[in-house]
């Protein structure tokens, strides 16, 4: 796969997994505020815009980098307990496997997307300094 295509694909996958996880959070009652859900949807929309419309531009790559950090933040906050894993008995939930799998897959894909966006931004910076 082309290097310049890999970053948008991983970013799109992370957006999809983040939206699945948000839906699970809402379904299980750990995301209760309407305002916070609207904010999260707006953030996902900006992330999607940066991924689809601006992937070759620096602004899009920075948006994808920040989105990747968001995906990792979701994972870390759930492990730390502020997002819900420590506060609920996950084994008793009906969709526990999908909930945990989505969280782990989001962390893995976000980490890959973070590395790819950082590498892309670094190589562009390095290329601009040579000229």
N, C-alpha and C. Protein backbone atom coordinates (compact mmCIF):
# COMPACT_ATOMS: atom_id res chain seq x y z
N UNK A 1 0.84 -1.18 0.00
CA UNK A 1 0.00 0.00 0.00
C UNK A 1 0.89 1.24 0.00
N UNK A 2 0.50 2.24 -0.75
CA UNK A 2 1.29 3.45 -0.81
C UNK A 2 1.37 4.11 0.56
N UNK A 3 2.51 4.70 0.83
CA UNK A 3 2.72 5.34 2.12
C UNK A 3 1.73 6.49 2.34
N UNK A 4 1.45 7.27 1.28
CA UNK A 4 0.55 8.41 1.45
C UNK A 4 -0.92 7.98 1.56
N UNK A 5 -1.23 6.73 1.29
CA UNK A 5 -2.58 6.22 1.45
C UNK A 5 -2.76 5.53 2.81
N UNK A 6 -1.69 5.06 3.38
CA UNK A 6 -1.77 4.31 4.63
C UNK A 6 -2.26 5.17 5.79
N UNK A 7 -1.80 6.41 5.88
CA UNK A 7 -2.22 7.28 6.97
C UNK A 7 -3.72 7.57 6.94
N UNK A 8 -4.31 7.98 5.80
CA UNK A 8 -5.76 8.20 5.81
C UNK A 8 -6.56 6.92 6.10
N UNK A 9 -6.09 5.78 5.64
CA UNK A 9 -6.80 4.52 5.90
C UNK A 9 -6.79 4.19 7.39
N UNK A 10 -5.64 4.31 8.03
CA UNK A 10 -5.59 4.03 9.47
C UNK A 10 -6.40 5.06 10.26
N UNK A 11 -6.38 6.30 9.80
CA UNK A 11 -7.16 7.34 10.46
C UNK A 11 -8.66 7.07 10.33
N UNK A 12 -9.10 6.66 9.14
CA UNK A 12 -10.51 6.31 8.95
C UNK A 12 -10.93 5.13 9.82
N UNK A 13 -10.07 4.15 9.91
CA UNK A 13 -10.36 3.00 10.76
C UNK A 13 -10.46 3.41 12.23
N UNK A 14 -9.59 4.30 12.66
CA UNK A 14 -9.64 4.78 14.04
C UNK A 14 -10.92 5.57 14.30
N UNK A 15 -11.35 6.37 13.32
CA UNK A 15 -12.61 7.11 13.47
C UNK A 15 -13.78 6.15 13.59
N UNK A 16 -13.79 5.12 12.76
CA UNK A 16 -14.86 4.12 12.81
C UNK A 16 -14.88 3.42 14.17
N UNK A 17 -13.72 3.00 14.65
CA UNK A 17 -13.65 2.32 15.94
C UNK A 17 -14.04 3.25 17.09
N UNK A 18 -13.63 4.52 17.00
CA UNK A 18 -14.00 5.49 18.03
C UNK A 18 -15.51 5.69 18.06
N UNK A 19 -16.14 5.74 16.88
CA UNK A 19 -17.59 5.90 16.85
C UNK A 19 -18.31 4.66 17.39
N UNK A 20 -17.80 3.48 17.08
CA UNK A 20 -18.36 2.25 17.67
C UNK A 20 -18.24 2.29 19.19
N UNK A 21 -17.08 2.71 19.65
CA UNK A 21 -16.87 2.73 21.09
C UNK A 21 -17.76 3.79 21.77
N UNK A 22 -17.94 4.93 21.12
CA UNK A 22 -18.84 5.94 21.66
C UNK A 22 -20.26 5.39 21.76
N UNK A 23 -20.69 4.67 20.72
CA UNK A 23 -22.02 4.06 20.75
C UNK A 23 -22.14 3.07 21.90
N UNK A 24 -21.10 2.27 22.14
CA UNK A 24 -21.10 1.35 23.28
C UNK A 24 -21.17 2.10 24.60
N UNK A 25 -20.39 3.16 24.72
CA UNK A 25 -20.41 3.96 25.95
C UNK A 25 -21.80 4.52 26.22
N UNK A 26 -22.46 4.99 25.19
CA UNK A 26 -23.82 5.53 25.35
C UNK A 26 -24.79 4.41 25.71
N UNK A 27 -24.67 3.27 25.04
CA UNK A 27 -25.58 2.14 25.29
C UNK A 27 -25.43 1.61 26.72
N UNK A 28 -24.21 1.60 27.25
CA UNK A 28 -23.98 1.08 28.59
C UNK A 28 -24.13 2.14 29.68
N UNK A 29 -24.41 3.38 29.27
CA UNK A 29 -24.70 4.42 30.24
C UNK A 29 -23.50 5.13 30.83
N UNK A 30 -22.31 4.93 30.30
CA UNK A 30 -21.15 5.62 30.87
C UNK A 30 -20.98 7.02 30.27
N UNK A 31 -21.61 7.31 29.12
CA UNK A 31 -21.64 8.66 28.53
C UNK A 31 -23.06 9.17 28.69
N UNK A 32 -23.26 10.07 29.66
CA UNK A 32 -24.62 10.50 29.96
C UNK A 32 -24.96 11.90 29.46
N UNK A 33 -23.98 12.76 29.33
CA UNK A 33 -24.27 14.14 28.98
C UNK A 33 -24.49 14.34 27.49
N UNK A 34 -25.54 15.06 27.15
CA UNK A 34 -25.82 15.37 25.75
C UNK A 34 -24.75 16.29 25.18
N UNK A 35 -24.34 17.28 25.97
CA UNK A 35 -23.34 18.24 25.50
C UNK A 35 -22.00 17.56 25.20
N UNK A 36 -21.59 16.63 26.05
CA UNK A 36 -20.32 15.94 25.80
C UNK A 36 -20.40 15.06 24.57
N UNK A 37 -21.57 14.45 24.33
CA UNK A 37 -21.73 13.62 23.13
C UNK A 37 -21.71 14.47 21.87
N UNK A 38 -22.33 15.65 21.91
CA UNK A 38 -22.31 16.55 20.76
C UNK A 38 -20.88 17.01 20.49
N UNK A 39 -20.12 17.29 21.55
CA UNK A 39 -18.73 17.70 21.39
C UNK A 39 -17.90 16.58 20.77
N UNK A 40 -18.11 15.36 21.22
CA UNK A 40 -17.36 14.23 20.68
C UNK A 40 -17.71 14.01 19.21
N UNK A 41 -18.97 14.14 18.86
CA UNK A 41 -19.39 13.99 17.46
C UNK A 41 -18.75 15.09 16.61
N UNK A 42 -18.69 16.31 17.13
CA UNK A 42 -18.05 17.41 16.40
C UNK A 42 -16.55 17.14 16.20
N UNK A 43 -15.89 16.62 17.23
CA UNK A 43 -14.47 16.29 17.12
C UNK A 43 -14.27 15.19 16.07
N UNK A 44 -15.12 14.17 16.09
CA UNK A 44 -15.01 13.11 15.08
C UNK A 44 -15.25 13.65 13.67
N UNK A 45 -16.16 14.62 13.54
CA UNK A 45 -16.42 15.22 12.23
C UNK A 45 -15.21 16.00 11.73
N UNK A 46 -14.56 16.75 12.60
CA UNK A 46 -13.34 17.49 12.21
C UNK A 46 -12.25 16.51 11.84
N UNK A 47 -12.11 15.44 12.61
CA UNK A 47 -11.11 14.40 12.33
C UNK A 47 -11.39 13.78 10.96
N UNK A 48 -12.66 13.50 10.68
CA UNK A 48 -13.04 12.92 9.40
C UNK A 48 -12.76 13.90 8.26
N UNK A 49 -13.06 15.18 8.46
CA UNK A 49 -12.78 16.20 7.45
C UNK A 49 -11.28 16.27 7.15
N UNK A 50 -10.48 16.29 8.19
CA UNK A 50 -9.03 16.34 7.98
C UNK A 50 -8.51 15.11 7.25
N UNK A 51 -9.14 13.97 7.50
CA UNK A 51 -8.72 12.72 6.88
C UNK A 51 -9.13 12.63 5.42
N UNK A 52 -10.34 13.06 5.11
CA UNK A 52 -10.86 12.90 3.75
C UNK A 52 -10.55 14.08 2.83
N UNK A 53 -10.56 15.30 3.36
CA UNK A 53 -10.43 16.49 2.52
C UNK A 53 -9.00 17.02 2.51
N UNK A 54 -8.30 16.89 3.62
CA UNK A 54 -6.97 17.50 3.76
C UNK A 54 -5.83 16.50 4.00
N UNK A 55 -5.87 15.30 3.46
CA UNK A 55 -4.84 14.32 3.85
C UNK A 55 -3.42 14.67 3.38
N UNK A 56 -3.30 15.41 2.29
CA UNK A 56 -1.98 15.75 1.75
C UNK A 56 -1.45 17.07 2.31
N UNK A 57 -2.29 17.80 3.02
CA UNK A 57 -1.89 19.09 3.56
C UNK A 57 -1.44 18.94 5.00
N UNK A 58 -0.62 19.86 5.45
CA UNK A 58 -0.10 19.82 6.82
C UNK A 58 -1.23 19.90 7.84
N UNK A 59 -2.24 20.73 7.57
CA UNK A 59 -3.36 20.86 8.50
C UNK A 59 -4.07 19.52 8.69
N UNK A 60 -4.29 18.80 7.61
CA UNK A 60 -4.93 17.49 7.69
C UNK A 60 -4.09 16.49 8.46
N UNK A 61 -2.79 16.55 8.25
CA UNK A 61 -1.90 15.63 8.95
C UNK A 61 -1.84 15.94 10.44
N UNK A 62 -1.92 17.22 10.78
CA UNK A 62 -1.96 17.60 12.19
C UNK A 62 -3.28 17.16 12.82
N UNK A 63 -4.38 17.33 12.07
CA UNK A 63 -5.68 16.86 12.57
C UNK A 63 -5.65 15.36 12.79
N UNK A 64 -5.05 14.61 11.87
CA UNK A 64 -4.97 13.15 12.03
C UNK A 64 -4.07 12.78 13.21
N UNK A 65 -3.01 13.55 13.44
CA UNK A 65 -2.14 13.31 14.59
C UNK A 65 -2.90 13.54 15.89
N UNK A 66 -3.65 14.65 15.96
CA UNK A 66 -4.43 14.94 17.16
C UNK A 66 -5.55 13.92 17.36
N UNK A 67 -6.16 13.48 16.27
CA UNK A 67 -7.18 12.44 16.37
C UNK A 67 -6.61 11.14 16.88
N UNK A 68 -5.42 10.81 16.45
CA UNK A 68 -4.76 9.60 16.95
C UNK A 68 -4.50 9.70 18.44
N UNK A 69 -4.09 10.88 18.87
CA UNK A 69 -3.90 11.10 20.32
C UNK A 69 -5.22 10.95 21.07
N UNK A 70 -6.31 11.40 20.46
CA UNK A 70 -7.63 11.23 21.06
C UNK A 70 -7.97 9.75 21.22
N UNK A 71 -7.70 8.97 20.18
CA UNK A 71 -7.96 7.53 20.26
C UNK A 71 -7.19 6.87 21.37
N UNK A 72 -5.93 7.27 21.55
CA UNK A 72 -5.13 6.72 22.65
C UNK A 72 -5.64 7.21 23.99
N UNK A 73 -6.13 8.46 24.04
CA UNK A 73 -6.67 9.00 25.28
C UNK A 73 -7.92 8.23 25.72
N UNK A 74 -8.75 7.84 24.77
CA UNK A 74 -9.93 7.04 25.09
C UNK A 74 -9.51 5.73 25.76
N UNK A 75 -8.51 5.08 25.19
CA UNK A 75 -8.01 3.82 25.74
C UNK A 75 -7.44 4.02 27.15
N UNK A 76 -6.59 5.01 27.31
CA UNK A 76 -5.94 5.26 28.61
C UNK A 76 -6.97 5.67 29.66
N UNK A 77 -7.95 6.50 29.27
CA UNK A 77 -8.95 6.92 30.26
C UNK A 77 -9.80 5.75 30.74
N UNK A 78 -10.08 4.80 29.85
CA UNK A 78 -10.82 3.62 30.29
C UNK A 78 -9.98 2.73 31.20
N UNK A 79 -8.71 2.62 30.92
CA UNK A 79 -7.85 1.82 31.80
C UNK A 79 -7.67 2.47 33.15
N UNK A 80 -7.62 3.82 33.17
CA UNK A 80 -7.43 4.55 34.42
C UNK A 80 -8.71 4.58 35.26
N UNK A 81 -9.84 4.27 34.65
CA UNK A 81 -11.08 4.22 35.41
C UNK A 81 -12.00 5.40 35.20
N UNK A 82 -11.51 6.51 34.66
CA UNK A 82 -12.38 7.66 34.49
C UNK A 82 -13.39 7.46 33.36
N UNK A 83 -13.09 6.56 32.46
CA UNK A 83 -13.99 6.35 31.34
C UNK A 83 -14.94 5.20 31.50
N UNK A 84 -14.79 4.37 32.49
CA UNK A 84 -15.80 3.36 32.70
C UNK A 84 -15.35 1.94 32.96
N UNK A 85 -14.19 1.49 32.53
CA UNK A 85 -13.84 0.08 32.73
C UNK A 85 -13.72 -0.30 34.20
N UNK A 86 -13.14 0.57 35.00
CA UNK A 86 -12.96 0.24 36.41
C UNK A 86 -14.27 0.34 37.18
N UNK A 87 -15.20 1.18 36.71
CA UNK A 87 -16.44 1.41 37.44
C UNK A 87 -17.54 0.42 37.13
N UNK A 88 -17.42 -0.37 36.07
CA UNK A 88 -18.47 -1.32 35.72
C UNK A 88 -17.90 -2.73 35.70
N UNK A 89 -18.76 -3.68 35.97
CA UNK A 89 -18.33 -5.08 35.91
C UNK A 89 -18.48 -5.54 34.47
N UNK A 90 -17.38 -5.46 33.76
CA UNK A 90 -17.40 -5.67 32.32
C UNK A 90 -17.81 -7.10 31.94
N UNK A 91 -17.47 -8.06 32.75
CA UNK A 91 -17.79 -9.45 32.43
C UNK A 91 -19.27 -9.75 32.46
N UNK A 92 -20.06 -8.92 33.12
CA UNK A 92 -21.50 -9.14 33.22
C UNK A 92 -22.29 -8.42 32.13
N UNK A 93 -21.60 -7.64 31.30
CA UNK A 93 -22.27 -6.93 30.22
C UNK A 93 -22.52 -7.89 29.06
N UNK A 94 -23.63 -7.68 28.34
CA UNK A 94 -23.97 -8.58 27.25
C UNK A 94 -23.01 -8.44 26.07
N UNK A 95 -22.50 -7.27 25.80
CA UNK A 95 -21.59 -7.06 24.68
C UNK A 95 -20.17 -6.79 25.12
N UNK A 96 -19.74 -7.45 26.18
CA UNK A 96 -18.43 -7.16 26.76
C UNK A 96 -17.29 -7.42 25.78
N UNK A 97 -17.38 -8.49 25.02
CA UNK A 97 -16.30 -8.81 24.10
C UNK A 97 -16.12 -7.70 23.07
N UNK A 98 -17.22 -7.26 22.45
CA UNK A 98 -17.13 -6.20 21.43
C UNK A 98 -16.65 -4.89 22.04
N UNK A 99 -17.11 -4.58 23.26
CA UNK A 99 -16.70 -3.36 23.95
C UNK A 99 -15.19 -3.34 24.17
N UNK A 100 -14.66 -4.41 24.69
CA UNK A 100 -13.22 -4.48 24.97
C UNK A 100 -12.42 -4.60 23.68
N UNK A 101 -12.89 -5.38 22.73
CA UNK A 101 -12.18 -5.52 21.45
C UNK A 101 -12.09 -4.18 20.74
N UNK A 102 -13.19 -3.43 20.72
CA UNK A 102 -13.18 -2.11 20.08
C UNK A 102 -12.18 -1.19 20.76
N UNK A 103 -12.13 -1.24 22.06
CA UNK A 103 -11.19 -0.41 22.81
C UNK A 103 -9.75 -0.77 22.49
N UNK A 104 -9.43 -2.06 22.45
CA UNK A 104 -8.07 -2.50 22.13
C UNK A 104 -7.72 -2.19 20.67
N UNK A 105 -8.64 -2.45 19.76
CA UNK A 105 -8.38 -2.17 18.34
C UNK A 105 -8.19 -0.67 18.12
N UNK A 106 -8.98 0.15 18.81
CA UNK A 106 -8.83 1.60 18.70
C UNK A 106 -7.45 2.04 19.17
N UNK A 107 -6.97 1.47 20.26
CA UNK A 107 -5.64 1.82 20.76
C UNK A 107 -4.55 1.42 19.77
N UNK A 108 -4.64 0.23 19.20
CA UNK A 108 -3.63 -0.26 18.26
C UNK A 108 -3.61 0.59 16.99
N UNK A 109 -4.79 0.82 16.42
CA UNK A 109 -4.86 1.59 15.18
C UNK A 109 -4.47 3.05 15.43
N UNK A 110 -4.87 3.60 16.58
CA UNK A 110 -4.49 4.99 16.90
C UNK A 110 -2.98 5.12 17.07
N UNK A 111 -2.35 4.14 17.67
CA UNK A 111 -0.90 4.18 17.83
C UNK A 111 -0.21 4.11 16.48
N UNK A 112 -0.69 3.26 15.59
CA UNK A 112 -0.13 3.20 14.24
C UNK A 112 -0.35 4.51 13.48
N UNK A 113 -1.55 5.05 13.58
CA UNK A 113 -1.86 6.31 12.92
C UNK A 113 -1.02 7.46 13.49
N UNK A 114 -0.79 7.45 14.78
CA UNK A 114 0.07 8.46 15.41
C UNK A 114 1.49 8.37 14.86
N UNK A 115 2.02 7.17 14.77
CA UNK A 115 3.37 6.99 14.24
C UNK A 115 3.46 7.43 12.78
N UNK A 116 2.47 7.06 11.98
CA UNK A 116 2.47 7.44 10.56
C UNK A 116 2.34 8.94 10.36
N UNK A 117 1.47 9.58 11.14
CA UNK A 117 1.31 11.03 10.98
C UNK A 117 2.55 11.77 11.47
N UNK A 118 3.15 11.31 12.55
CA UNK A 118 4.39 11.94 13.03
C UNK A 118 5.51 11.76 11.99
N UNK A 119 5.59 10.58 11.41
CA UNK A 119 6.61 10.31 10.39
C UNK A 119 6.39 11.19 9.16
N UNK A 120 5.14 11.34 8.75
CA UNK A 120 4.82 12.16 7.59
C UNK A 120 5.17 13.62 7.86
N UNK A 121 4.78 14.12 9.01
CA UNK A 121 5.09 15.51 9.35
C UNK A 121 6.59 15.73 9.47
N UNK A 122 7.30 14.77 10.06
CA UNK A 122 8.75 14.88 10.21
C UNK A 122 9.45 14.86 8.85
N UNK A 123 9.03 13.98 7.97
CA UNK A 123 9.68 13.90 6.66
C UNK A 123 9.40 15.15 5.83
N UNK A 124 8.22 15.74 5.96
CA UNK A 124 7.94 16.99 5.25
C UNK A 124 8.80 18.11 5.80
N UNK A 125 8.96 18.16 7.10
CA UNK A 125 9.80 19.20 7.72
C UNK A 125 11.24 19.05 7.26
N UNK A 126 11.70 17.81 7.26
CA UNK A 126 13.06 17.53 6.85
C UNK A 126 13.28 17.89 5.37
N UNK A 127 12.29 17.59 4.53
CA UNK A 127 12.37 17.88 3.10
C UNK A 127 12.36 19.39 2.88
N UNK A 128 11.54 20.14 3.61
CA UNK A 128 11.48 21.60 3.47
C UNK A 128 12.78 22.26 3.89
N UNK A 129 13.45 21.71 4.88
CA UNK A 129 14.73 22.28 5.35
C UNK A 129 15.85 22.08 4.34
N UNK A 130 15.74 21.07 3.49
CA UNK A 130 16.79 20.81 2.49
C UNK A 130 16.72 21.79 1.33
N UNK A 131 15.52 22.33 1.08
CA UNK A 131 15.36 23.21 -0.08
C UNK A 131 15.81 24.60 0.20
